Amino acid sequence: MLFGRTIHGFVTEVRMSKALELLASGSGNGLTLYCIADKIGYSNHSYFSTLFKKHFGISPSVYGVSNHALPSEL
């Protein structure tokens, strides 16, 4: 474990950051949740949605329609 997290935790953090970026530009880029999950390395969009909600406290679909506000920002 390096810097207080595992490599798996680090990779998940990077993927979730990229997911936020893609969702924030979502309406203009035409990407679906399936495409975003695939682009960040998850072949199972349900698993991606579960991890996103666990990580941010909001589902990616709700985040996409909530003017891109996380629960801490609401």
Protein backbone atom coordinates (compact mmCIF):
# COMPACT_ATOMS: atom_id res chain seq x y z
CA MET A 1 0.00 0.00 0.00
CA LEU A 2 1.46 3.30 -1.10
CA PHE A 3 0.24 6.68 0.11
CA GLY A 4 -2.53 5.12 2.18
CA ARG A 5 -4.38 3.33 -0.62
CA THR A 6 -4.06 0.22 -2.72
CA ILE A 7 -3.36 0.23 -6.45
CA HIS A 8 -6.96 -0.84 -6.95
CA GLY A 9 -8.13 2.17 -4.93
CA PHE A 10 -5.89 4.47 -6.95
CA VAL A 11 -7.14 3.11 -10.28
CA THR A 12 -10.75 3.45 -9.11
CA GLU A 13 -10.08 7.06 -8.07
CA VAL A 14 -8.65 7.88 -11.50
CA ARG A 15 -11.56 6.18 -13.26
CA MET A 16 -14.15 8.01 -11.16
CA SER A 17 -12.46 11.36 -11.83
CA LYS A 18 -12.59 10.65 -15.55
CA ALA A 19 -16.24 9.60 -15.24
CA LEU A 20 -17.08 12.96 -13.63
CA GLU A 21 -15.30 14.74 -16.45
CA LEU A 22 -17.19 12.78 -19.11
CA LEU A 23 -20.54 13.18 -17.36
CA ALA A 24 -20.00 16.92 -16.94
CA SER A 25 -19.59 17.28 -20.68
CA GLY A 26 -22.25 14.61 -21.23
CA SER A 27 -25.14 16.44 -22.85
CA GLY A 28 -22.88 17.89 -25.50
CA ASN A 29 -20.88 14.78 -26.30
CA GLY A 30 -23.76 12.32 -26.75
CA LEU A 31 -22.19 9.68 -24.49
CA THR A 32 -24.47 7.24 -22.72
CA LEU A 33 -23.65 5.68 -19.36
CA TYR A 34 -22.79 2.48 -21.24
CA CYS A 35 -20.22 4.37 -23.33
CA ILE A 36 -18.77 6.22 -20.34
CA ALA A 37 -18.42 2.97 -18.37
CA ASP A 38 -16.67 1.38 -21.34
CA LYS A 39 -14.38 4.38 -21.89
CA ILE A 40 -13.12 4.29 -18.31
CA GLY A 41 -12.58 0.54 -18.31
CA TYR A 42 -15.77 -1.04 -16.99
CA SER A 43 -17.49 -3.54 -19.28
CA ASN A 44 -20.41 -3.81 -16.87
CA HIS A 45 -22.32 -0.52 -16.66
CA SER A 46 -24.25 -1.69 -13.59
CA TYR A 47 -21.00 -2.25 -11.72
CA PHE A 48 -19.79 1.20 -12.84
CA SER A 49 -23.03 2.79 -11.57
CA THR A 50 -22.70 0.98 -8.23
CA LEU A 51 -19.10 2.11 -7.78
CA PHE A 52 -19.92 5.68 -8.82
CA LYS A 53 -22.74 5.87 -6.27
CA LYS A 54 -20.54 4.36 -3.56
CA HIS A 55 -17.74 6.80 -4.38
CA PHE A 56 -19.78 10.01 -4.75
CA GLY A 57 -23.08 9.27 -2.98
CA ILE A 58 -25.14 9.88 -6.10
CA SER A 59 -25.84 7.74 -9.15
CA PRO A 60 -24.23 8.77 -12.43
CA SER A 61 -27.62 9.20 -14.10
CA VAL A 62 -28.82 11.56 -11.35
CA TYR A 63 -25.50 13.42 -11.44
CA GLY A 64 -25.89 13.89 -15.19
CA VAL A 65 -29.28 15.59 -14.85
CA SER A 66 -28.57 17.54 -11.64
CA ASN A 67 -26.49 20.28 -13.24
CA HIS A 68 -23.43 18.25 -12.26
CA ALA A 69 -23.68 18.81 -8.51
CA LEU A 70 -22.42 16.22 -6.06
CA PRO A 71 -24.33 15.74 -2.79
CA SER A 72 -21.78 17.87 -0.91
CA GLU A 73 -22.47 20.69 -3.36
CA LEU A 74 -26.27 20.56 -3.10
